[in-house]
């Protein structure tokens, strides 16, 4: 099981079970979460924001199913919205 950190600004870190750190980049656009490392690029479709502790199974662009369990997520930024 790998641990993936999606850092601000698009930087990513993948920590392997052996403790090795693989640097990469991530993007999220058009309903796709993509992770690019030195060994390649893989994207997963998603329909909603991740929620801490709620496991989801996603099938990647490489046709590999993987389970994602967010340990934490960033707070949603208020957009100001309507006043009334």
Protein backbone atom coordinates (compact mmCIF):
# COMPACT_ATOMS: atom_id res chain seq x y z
CA UNK A 1 0.00 0.00 0.00
CA UNK A 2 1.40 3.39 -1.01
CA UNK A 3 0.67 6.66 0.77
CA UNK A 4 0.18 9.61 -1.57
CA UNK A 5 0.42 13.24 -0.46
CA UNK A 6 -1.19 15.82 -2.75
CA UNK A 7 0.68 18.96 -1.73
CA UNK A 8 -0.45 22.51 -2.55
CA UNK A 9 0.62 23.84 -5.92
CA UNK A 10 0.47 20.47 -7.67
CA UNK A 11 3.43 18.70 -6.05
CA UNK A 12 2.92 15.07 -5.01
CA UNK A 13 4.85 12.58 -2.91
CA UNK A 14 4.33 8.82 -3.02
CA UNK A 15 5.66 6.91 -0.02
CA UNK A 16 6.18 3.20 -0.73
CA UNK A 17 5.80 0.45 1.89
CA UNK A 18 9.62 0.30 2.05
CA UNK A 19 9.71 4.02 2.92
CA UNK A 20 11.03 5.23 -0.44
CA UNK A 21 9.78 8.64 -1.55
CA UNK A 22 8.80 9.16 -5.20
CA UNK A 23 8.33 12.79 -6.22
CA UNK A 24 5.69 13.75 -8.75
CA UNK A 25 2.98 16.19 -9.74
CA UNK A 26 -0.81 16.02 -9.63
CA UNK A 27 -3.63 17.74 -11.47
CA UNK A 28 -7.40 17.63 -11.16
CA UNK A 29 -9.51 18.77 -14.10
CA UNK A 30 -12.42 17.53 -16.17
CA UNK A 31 -13.40 14.92 -13.58
CA UNK A 32 -9.93 13.34 -13.66
CA UNK A 33 -7.32 13.16 -10.90
CA UNK A 34 -3.93 12.62 -12.55
CA UNK A 35 -0.60 11.71 -10.98
CA UNK A 36 2.64 12.11 -12.94
CA UNK A 37 5.90 10.61 -11.69
CA UNK A 38 9.19 9.86 -13.41
CA UNK A 39 7.82 6.45 -14.41
CA UNK A 40 4.61 7.63 -16.05
CA UNK A 41 1.19 9.21 -15.76
CA UNK A 42 -2.00 7.67 -14.42
CA UNK A 43 -5.46 9.26 -14.11
CA UNK A 44 -8.55 8.27 -12.14
CA UNK A 45 -12.08 9.54 -12.79
CA UNK A 46 -13.97 10.94 -9.85
CA UNK A 47 -17.43 12.41 -9.40
CA UNK A 48 -17.09 14.13 -6.05
CA UNK A 49 -14.49 15.49 -3.66
CA UNK A 50 -12.82 12.96 -1.38
CA UNK A 51 -14.05 12.80 2.21
CA UNK A 52 -11.72 11.90 5.05
CA UNK A 53 -12.10 8.27 6.10
CA UNK A 54 -14.46 7.32 3.24
CA UNK A 55 -12.90 4.67 1.01
CA UNK A 56 -13.58 4.75 -2.73
CA UNK A 57 -12.50 2.34 -5.47
CA UNK A 58 -11.44 3.94 -8.74
CA UNK A 59 -10.30 2.38 -12.03
CA UNK A 60 -7.39 4.23 -13.61
CA UNK A 61 -6.56 5.07 -17.20
CA UNK A 62 -4.26 2.01 -17.04
CA UNK A 63 -7.33 -0.15 -16.22
CA UNK A 64 -6.10 -0.83 -12.68
CA UNK A 65 -8.58 -0.74 -9.80
CA UNK A 66 -7.27 0.89 -6.64
CA UNK A 67 -8.76 1.75 -3.26
CA UNK A 68 -8.31 5.28 -1.96
CA UNK A 69 -8.89 6.15 1.69
CA UNK A 70 -8.25 9.85 2.39
CA UNK A 71 -6.81 10.30 5.87
CA UNK A 72 -7.56 14.02 5.75
CA UNK A 73 -8.73 16.63 3.28
CA UNK A 74 -8.34 20.36 2.96
CA UNK A 75 -11.24 22.49 4.21
CA UNK A 76 -13.64 23.76 1.54
CA UNK A 77 -13.12 27.46 0.85
CA UNK A 78 -16.21 29.64 1.19
CA UNK A 79 -17.10 31.31 -2.11
CA UNK A 80 -19.02 34.23 -0.65
CA UNK A 81 -22.32 33.06 -2.14
CA UNK A 82 -25.53 35.05 -2.20
CA UNK A 83 -26.71 37.32 0.52
CA UNK A 84 -30.32 37.71 1.29
